[in-house]
Structure formats: structure tokens, C-alpha cells
Amino acid sequence: MREKQPRLLVIWGKYDRSFDPGEPERYRKDVPNAQGHVLDTGNFALDMAADEIAALVRDFVGSSRGRLRARRAG
């Protein structure tokens, strides 16, 4: 990831005990432009915040399309 610098969306459940809560920030060390969101959820984030996650993904994909169009045009 450090070398390629992909567009990256990280969505994390704040209370997920399976993962270290500091992980999202570690992604930014490798991909500084990553979008990181820590939600007020646990391990089952999609069950608890499906609408919020859907909006984040929709915005991320939408902004990716805009950048792709700009690259093709310019």
C-alpha cells in the first residue's frame, strides 16, 4: 500500500474487541490520503450502522468516479 497509494476507505467499529482501536490511524501511515471513519459500533457494524456505512461507501465511490472522469478529461 505504501508503494501504490491506493484510494482507501477504512470503516471501523469503535467497540469491536477483535481489533485494536488504533488500527485505522496506522493505515494513514501507509496511505496518508486514506479516508478513515470510526463508528460508534462494535463487531457487527453493518447491523448497527448500515445506513451510515452505505452513505460513506456511496460518497467514496462517487468521489472516485469524479476523479476518474477528471483524469480521463485532462
PDB file of N, CA and C in Angstrom:
ATOM      1  N   MET A   1       0.815  -1.185   0.000  1.00  0.00           N
ATOM      2  CA  MET A   1       0.000   0.000   0.000  1.00  0.00           C
ATOM      3  C   MET A   1       0.860   1.251   0.000  1.00  0.00           C
ATOM      4  N   ARG A   2       1.979   1.188   0.678  1.00  0.00           N
ATOM      5  CA  ARG A   2       2.865   2.365   0.701  1.00  0.00           C
ATOM      6  C   ARG A   2       3.318   2.746  -0.695  1.00  0.00           C
ATOM      7  N   GLU A   3       3.663   1.741  -1.472  1.00  0.00           N
ATOM      8  CA  GLU A   3       4.191   1.999  -2.803  1.00  0.00           C
ATOM      9  C   GLU A   3       3.103   2.452  -3.774  1.00  0.00           C
ATOM     10  N   LYS A   4       1.967   1.804  -3.769  1.00  0.00           N
ATOM     11  CA  LYS A   4       0.910   2.079  -4.756  1.00  0.00           C
ATOM     12  C   LYS A   4      -0.008   3.234  -4.370  1.00  0.00           C
ATOM     13  N   GLN A   5      -0.152   3.515  -3.090  1.00  0.00           N
ATOM     14  CA  GLN A   5      -1.015   4.595  -2.601  1.00  0.00           C
ATOM     15  C   GLN A   5      -2.434   4.518  -3.187  1.00  0.00           C
ATOM     16  N   PRO A   6      -3.129   3.406  -2.950  1.00  0.00           N
ATOM     17  CA  PRO A   6      -4.480   3.290  -3.491  1.00  0.00           C
ATOM     18  C   PRO A   6      -5.449   4.210  -2.754  1.00  0.00           C
ATOM     19  N   ARG A   7      -6.563   4.513  -3.377  1.00  0.00           N
ATOM     20  CA  ARG A   7      -7.638   5.204  -2.665  1.00  0.00           C
ATOM     21  C   ARG A   7      -8.137   4.191  -1.654  1.00  0.00           C
ATOM     22  N   LEU A   8      -8.313   4.612  -0.435  1.00  0.00           N
ATOM     23  CA  LEU A   8      -8.615   3.665   0.633  1.00  0.00           C
ATOM     24  C   LEU A   8      -9.675   4.227   1.562  1.00  0.00           C
ATOM     25  N   LEU A   9     -10.689   3.423   1.809  1.00  0.00           N
ATOM     26  CA  LEU A   9     -11.742   3.750   2.756  1.00  0.00           C
ATOM     27  C   LEU A   9     -11.660   2.743   3.895  1.00  0.00           C
ATOM     28  N   VAL A  10     -11.480   3.244   5.113  1.00  0.00           N
ATOM     29  CA  VAL A  10     -11.396   2.399   6.299  1.00  0.00           C
ATOM     30  C   VAL A  10     -12.578   2.747   7.200  1.00  0.00           C
ATOM     31  N   ILE A  11     -13.396   1.738   7.488  1.00  0.00           N
ATOM     32  CA  ILE A  11     -14.542   1.923   8.385  1.00  0.00           C
ATOM     33  C   ILE A  11     -14.361   0.955   9.543  1.00  0.00           C
ATOM     34  N   TRP A  12     -14.395   1.485  10.744  1.00  0.00           N
ATOM     35  CA  TRP A  12     -14.044   0.717  11.935  1.00  0.00           C
ATOM     36  C   TRP A  12     -15.111   0.877  13.002  1.00  0.00           C
ATOM     37  N   GLY A  13     -15.394  -0.198  13.710  1.00  0.00           N
ATOM     38  CA  GLY A  13     -16.288  -0.135  14.864  1.00  0.00           C
ATOM     39  C   GLY A  13     -15.486   0.185  16.116  1.00  0.00           C
ATOM     40  N   LYS A  14     -15.803   1.279  16.756  1.00  0.00           N
ATOM     41  CA  LYS A  14     -15.068   1.746  17.935  1.00  0.00           C
ATOM     42  C   LYS A  14     -14.982   0.694  19.043  1.00  0.00           C
ATOM     43  N   TYR A  15     -16.052  -0.084  19.203  1.00  0.00           N
ATOM     44  CA  TYR A  15     -16.113  -1.040  20.313  1.00  0.00           C
ATOM     45  C   TYR A  15     -15.894  -2.482  19.879  1.00  0.00           C
ATOM     46  N   ASP A  16     -15.298  -2.682  18.716  1.00  0.00           N
ATOM     47  CA  ASP A  16     -15.010  -4.030  18.236  1.00  0.00           C
ATOM     48  C   ASP A  16     -13.797  -4.552  18.995  1.00  0.00           C
ATOM     49  N   ARG A  17     -14.002  -5.527  19.823  1.00  0.00           N
ATOM     50  CA  ARG A  17     -12.921  -6.057  20.664  1.00  0.00           C
ATOM     51  C   ARG A  17     -11.967  -6.975  19.904  1.00  0.00           C
ATOM     52  N   SER A  18     -12.328  -7.318  18.672  1.00  0.00           N
ATOM     53  CA  SER A  18     -11.480  -8.201  17.874  1.00  0.00           C
ATOM     54  C   SER A  18     -10.281  -7.477  17.281  1.00  0.00           C
ATOM     55  N   PHE A  19     -10.351  -6.154  17.225  1.00  0.00           N
ATOM     56  CA  PHE A  19      -9.298  -5.380  16.580  1.00  0.00           C
ATOM     57  C   PHE A  19      -8.864  -4.237  17.475  1.00  0.00           C
ATOM     58  N   ASP A  20      -7.637  -3.827  17.283  1.00  0.00           N
ATOM     59  CA  ASP A  20      -7.061  -2.714  18.027  1.00  0.00           C
ATOM     60  C   ASP A  20      -7.690  -1.406  17.542  1.00  0.00           C
ATOM     61  N   PRO A  21      -8.220  -0.583  18.436  1.00  0.00           N
ATOM     62  CA  PRO A  21      -8.854   0.664  18.016  1.00  0.00           C
ATOM     63  C   PRO A  21      -7.889   1.666  17.360  1.00  0.00           C
ATOM     64  N   GLY A  22      -6.600   1.446  17.483  1.00  0.00           N
ATOM     65  CA  GLY A  22      -5.626   2.329  16.848  1.00  0.00           C
ATOM     66  C   GLY A  22      -5.324   1.966  15.401  1.00  0.00           C
ATOM     67  N   GLU A  23      -5.876   0.858  14.936  1.00  0.00           N
ATOM     68  CA  GLU A  23      -5.600   0.384  13.585  1.00  0.00           C
ATOM     69  C   GLU A  23      -5.924   1.382  12.478  1.00  0.00           C
ATOM     70  N   PRO A  24      -7.066   2.060  12.494  1.00  0.00           N
ATOM     71  CA  PRO A  24      -7.354   2.987  11.392  1.00  0.00           C
ATOM     72  C   PRO A  24      -6.270   4.049  11.185  1.00  0.00           C
ATOM     73  N   GLU A  25      -5.716   4.549  12.260  1.00  0.00           N
ATOM     74  CA  GLU A  25      -4.656   5.559  12.122  1.00  0.00           C
ATOM     75  C   GLU A  25      -3.379   4.951  11.547  1.00  0.00           C
ATOM     76  N   ARG A  26      -3.163   3.681  11.787  1.00  0.00           N
ATOM     77  CA  ARG A  26      -1.972   3.026  11.237  1.00  0.00           C
ATOM     78  C   ARG A  26      -2.065   2.923   9.714  1.00  0.00           C
ATOM     79  N   TYR A  27      -3.277   2.789   9.201  1.00  0.00           N
ATOM     80  CA  TYR A  27      -3.436   2.786   7.746  1.00  0.00           C
ATOM     81  C   TYR A  27      -2.973   4.111   7.160  1.00  0.00           C
ATOM     82  N   ARG A  28      -3.219   5.184   7.864  1.00  0.00           N
ATOM     83  CA  ARG A  28      -2.827   6.509   7.359  1.00  0.00           C
ATOM     84  C   ARG A  28      -1.316   6.696   7.316  1.00  0.00           C
ATOM     85  N   LYS A  29      -0.587   5.929   8.090  1.00  0.00           N
ATOM     86  CA  LYS A  29       0.872   5.997   7.990  1.00  0.00           C
ATOM     87  C   LYS A  29       1.329   5.473   6.633  1.00  0.00           C
ATOM     88  N   ASP A  30       0.639   4.450   6.131  1.00  0.00           N
ATOM     89  CA  ASP A  30       0.980   3.879   4.831  1.00  0.00           C
ATOM     90  C   ASP A  30       0.301   4.619   3.681  1.00  0.00           C
ATOM     91  N   VAL A  31      -0.928   5.059   3.908  1.00  0.00           N
ATOM     92  CA  VAL A  31      -1.709   5.748   2.876  1.00  0.00           C
ATOM     93  C   VAL A  31      -2.268   7.031   3.504  1.00  0.00           C
ATOM     94  N   PRO A  32      -1.483   8.112   3.483  1.00  0.00           N
ATOM     95  CA  PRO A  32      -1.880   9.343   4.174  1.00  0.00           C
ATOM     96  C   PRO A  32      -3.222   9.924   3.724  1.00  0.00           C
ATOM     97  N   ASN A  33      -3.626   9.677   2.483  1.00  0.00           N
ATOM     98  CA  ASN A  33      -4.895  10.220   1.993  1.00  0.00           C
ATOM     99  C   ASN A  33      -6.079   9.284   2.217  1.00  0.00           C
ATOM    100  N   ALA A  34      -5.877   8.225   2.984  1.00  0.00           N
ATOM    101  CA  ALA A  34      -6.974   7.296   3.263  1.00  0.00           C
ATOM    102  C   ALA A  34      -8.094   8.013   4.004  1.00  0.00           C
ATOM    103  N   GLN A  35      -9.305   7.623   3.684  1.00  0.00           N
ATOM    104  CA  GLN A  35     -10.461   8.111   4.439  1.00  0.00           C
ATOM    105  C   GLN A  35     -10.696   7.123   5.571  1.00  0.00           C
ATOM    106  N   GLY A  36     -10.673   7.589   6.789  1.00  0.00           N
ATOM    107  CA  GLY A  36     -10.888   6.727   7.936  1.00  0.00           C
ATOM    108  C   GLY A  36     -12.084   7.182   8.750  1.00  0.00           C
ATOM    109  N   HIS A  37     -12.936   6.234   9.104  1.00  0.00           N
ATOM    110  CA  HIS A  37     -14.132   6.538   9.888  1.00  0.00           C
ATOM    111  C   HIS A  37     -14.250   5.512  11.000  1.00  0.00           C
ATOM    112  N   VAL A  38     -14.311   5.988  12.221  1.00  0.00           N
ATOM    113  CA  VAL A  38     -14.523   5.115  13.372  1.00  0.00           C
ATOM    114  C   VAL A  38     -15.945   5.372  13.845  1.00  0.00           C
ATOM    115  N   LEU A  39     -16.765   4.331  13.755  1.00  0.00           N
ATOM    116  CA  LEU A  39     -18.179   4.460  14.084  1.00  0.00           C
ATOM    117  C   LEU A  39     -18.462   4.000  15.500  1.00  0.00           C
ATOM    118  N   ASP A  40     -19.529   4.475  16.041  1.00  0.00           N
ATOM    119  CA  ASP A  40     -19.953   4.140  17.402  1.00  0.00           C
ATOM    120  C   ASP A  40     -20.668   2.789  17.400  1.00  0.00           C
ATOM    121  N   THR A  41     -19.906   1.748  17.001  1.00  0.00           N
ATOM    122  CA  THR A  41     -20.454   0.396  16.898  1.00  0.00           C
ATOM    123  C   THR A  41     -19.448  -0.599  17.445  1.00  0.00           C
ATOM    124  N   GLY A  42     -19.849  -1.830  17.432  1.00  0.00           N
ATOM    125  CA  GLY A  42     -18.973  -2.912  17.828  1.00  0.00           C
ATOM    126  C   GLY A  42     -18.615  -3.760  16.616  1.00  0.00           C
ATOM    127  N   ASN A  43     -18.494  -5.070  16.832  1.00  0.00           N
ATOM    128  CA  ASN A  43     -18.092  -6.001  15.796  1.00  0.00           C
ATOM    129  C   ASN A  43     -19.108  -6.099  14.658  1.00  0.00           C
ATOM    130  N   PHE A  44     -20.369  -5.882  14.945  1.00  0.00           N
ATOM    131  CA  PHE A  44     -21.412  -6.016  13.929  1.00  0.00           C
ATOM    132  C   PHE A  44     -21.828  -4.642  13.410  1.00  0.00           C
ATOM    133  N   ALA A  45     -20.865  -3.919  12.881  1.00  0.00           N
ATOM    134  CA  ALA A  45     -21.098  -2.541  12.440  1.00  0.00           C
ATOM    135  C   ALA A  45     -22.197  -2.453  11.393  1.00  0.00           C
ATOM    136  N   LEU A  46     -22.247  -3.397  10.464  1.00  0.00           N
ATOM    137  CA  LEU A  46     -23.290  -3.339   9.435  1.00  0.00           C
ATOM    138  C   LEU A  46     -24.680  -3.523  10.019  1.00  0.00           C
ATOM    139  N   ASP A  47     -24.792  -4.283  11.078  1.00  0.00           N
ATOM    140  CA  ASP A  47     -26.096  -4.447  11.732  1.00  0.00           C
ATOM    141  C   ASP A  47     -26.497  -3.194  12.493  1.00  0.00           C
ATOM    142  N   MET A  48     -25.529  -2.493  13.015  1.00  0.00           N
ATOM    143  CA  MET A  48     -25.808  -1.346  13.870  1.00  0.00           C
ATOM    144  C   MET A  48     -25.822  -0.008  13.129  1.00  0.00           C
ATOM    145  N   ALA A  49     -25.118   0.079  12.000  1.00  0.00           N
ATOM    146  CA  ALA A  49     -24.979   1.367  11.320  1.00  0.00           C
ATOM    147  C   ALA A  49     -24.989   1.207   9.796  1.00  0.00           C
ATOM    148  N   ALA A  50     -25.882   0.369   9.289  1.00  0.00           N
ATOM    149  CA  ALA A  50     -25.905   0.070   7.854  1.00  0.00           C
ATOM    150  C   ALA A  50     -26.108   1.324   7.002  1.00  0.00           C
ATOM    151  N   ASP A  51     -27.027   2.189   7.400  1.00  0.00           N
ATOM    152  CA  ASP A  51     -27.291   3.396   6.606  1.00  0.00           C
ATOM    153  C   ASP A  51     -26.082   4.321   6.577  1.00  0.00           C
ATOM    154  N   GLU A  52     -25.435   4.471   7.718  1.00  0.00           N
ATOM    155  CA  GLU A  52     -24.251   5.330   7.793  1.00  0.00           C
ATOM    156  C   GLU A  52     -23.112   4.766   6.942  1.00  0.00           C
ATOM    157  N   ILE A  53     -22.908   3.462   7.023  1.00  0.00           N
ATOM    158  CA  ILE A  53     -21.847   2.821   6.244  1.00  0.00           C
ATOM    159  C   ILE A  53     -22.163   2.912   4.749  1.00  0.00           C
ATOM    160  N   ALA A  54     -23.414   2.690   4.387  1.00  0.00           N
ATOM    161  CA  ALA A  54     -23.809   2.788   2.974  1.00  0.00           C
ATOM    162  C   ALA A  54     -23.531   4.193   2.440  1.00  0.00           C
ATOM    163  N   ALA A  55     -23.831   5.207   3.226  1.00  0.00           N
ATOM    164  CA  ALA A  55     -23.582   6.589   2.799  1.00  0.00           C
ATOM    165  C   ALA A  55     -22.090   6.849   2.629  1.00  0.00           C
ATOM    166  N   LEU A  56     -21.273   6.334   3.543  1.00  0.00           N
ATOM    167  CA  LEU A  56     -19.821   6.516   3.435  1.00  0.00           C
ATOM    168  C   LEU A  56     -19.275   5.842   2.175  1.00  0.00           C
ATOM    169  N   VAL A  57     -19.742   4.628   1.904  1.00  0.00           N
ATOM    170  CA  VAL A  57     -19.289   3.903   0.717  1.00  0.00           C
ATOM    171  C   VAL A  57     -19.773   4.615  -0.551  1.00  0.00           C
ATOM    172  N   ARG A  58     -21.028   5.042  -0.555  1.00  0.00           N
ATOM    173  CA  ARG A  58     -21.585   5.745  -1.714  1.00  0.00           C
ATOM    174  C   ARG A  58     -20.773   7.022  -2.008  1.00  0.00           C
ATOM    175  N   ASP A  59     -20.458   7.785  -0.973  1.00  0.00           N
ATOM    176  CA  ASP A  59     -19.675   9.008  -1.161  1.00  0.00           C
ATOM    177  C   ASP A  59     -18.268   8.702  -1.672  1.00  0.00           C
ATOM    178  N   PHE A  60     -17.670   7.665  -1.115  1.00  0.00           N
ATOM    179  CA  PHE A  60     -16.324   7.277  -1.520  1.00  0.00           C
ATOM    180  C   PHE A  60     -16.298   6.861  -2.987  1.00  0.00           C
ATOM    181  N   VAL A  61     -17.244   6.013  -3.376  1.00  0.00           N
ATOM    182  CA  VAL A  61     -17.308   5.549  -4.765  1.00  0.00           C
ATOM    183  C   VAL A  61     -17.636   6.725  -5.688  1.00  0.00           C
ATOM    184  N   GLY A  62     -18.546   7.578  -5.265  1.00  0.00           N
ATOM    185  CA  GLY A  62     -18.897   8.740  -6.075  1.00  0.00           C
ATOM    186  C   GLY A  62     -17.722   9.659  -6.305  1.00  0.00           C
ATOM    187  N   SER A  63     -16.927   9.898  -5.267  1.00  0.00           N
ATOM    188  CA  SER A  63     -15.764  10.766  -5.432  1.00  0.00           C
ATOM    189  C   SER A  63     -14.696  10.090  -6.294  1.00  0.00           C
ATOM    190  N   SER A  64     -14.629   8.771  -6.249  1.00  0.00           N
ATOM    191  CA  SER A  64     -13.690   8.036  -7.106  1.00  0.00           C
ATOM    192  C   SER A  64     -14.067   8.201  -8.558  1.00  0.00           C
ATOM    193  N   ARG A  65     -15.362   8.134  -8.850  1.00  0.00           N
ATOM    194  CA  ARG A  65     -15.815   8.301 -10.230  1.00  0.00           C
ATOM    195  C   ARG A  65     -15.493   9.696 -10.744  1.00  0.00           C
ATOM    196  N   GLY A  66     -15.691  10.700  -9.891  1.00  0.00           N
ATOM    197  CA  GLY A  66     -15.390  12.071 -10.287  1.00  0.00           C
ATOM    198  C   GLY A  66     -13.917  12.252 -10.609  1.00  0.00           C
ATOM    199  N   ARG A  67     -13.064  11.668  -9.806  1.00  0.00           N
ATOM    200  CA  ARG A  67     -11.618  11.779 -10.059  1.00  0.00           C
ATOM    201  C   ARG A  67     -11.218  11.046 -11.332  1.00  0.00           C
ATOM    202  N   LEU A  68     -11.840   9.897 -11.559  1.00  0.00           N
ATOM    203  CA  LEU A  68     -11.539   9.132 -12.765  1.00  0.00           C
ATOM    204  C   LEU A  68     -11.952   9.918 -14.011  1.00  0.00           C
ATOM    205  N   ARG A  69     -13.127  10.525 -13.981  1.00  0.00           N
ATOM    206  CA  ARG A  69     -13.582  11.342 -15.115  1.00  0.00           C
ATOM    207  C   ARG A  69     -12.632  12.517 -15.350  1.00  0.00           C
ATOM    208  N   ALA A  70     -12.188  13.146 -14.279  1.00  0.00           N
ATOM    209  CA  ALA A  70     -11.274  14.280 -14.410  1.00  0.00           C
ATOM    210  C   ALA A  70      -9.960  13.846 -15.031  1.00  0.00           C
ATOM    211  N   ARG A  71      -9.457  12.679 -14.640  1.00  0.00           N
ATOM    212  CA  ARG A  71      -8.206  12.179 -15.213  1.00  0.00           C
ATOM    213  C   ARG A  71      -8.361  11.899 -16.706  1.00  0.00           C
ATOM    214  N   ARG A  72      -9.489  11.300 -17.061  1.00  0.00           N
ATOM    215  CA  ARG A  72      -9.723  10.969 -18.471  1.00  0.00           C
ATOM    216  C   ARG A  72      -9.863  12.243 -19.307  1.00  0.00           C
ATOM    217  N   ALA A  73     -10.478  13.265 -18.744  1.00  0.00           N
ATOM    218  CA  ALA A  73     -10.703  14.506 -19.484  1.00  0.00           C
ATOM    219  C   ALA A  73      -9.430  15.351 -19.604  1.00  0.00           C
ATOM    220  N   GLY A  74      -8.546  15.195 -18.638  1.00  0.00           N
ATOM    221  CA  GLY A  74      -7.442  16.123 -18.591  1.00  0.00           C
ATOM    222  C   GLY A  74      -6.146  15.625 -18.970  1.00  0.00           C
TER     223      GLY A  74
END
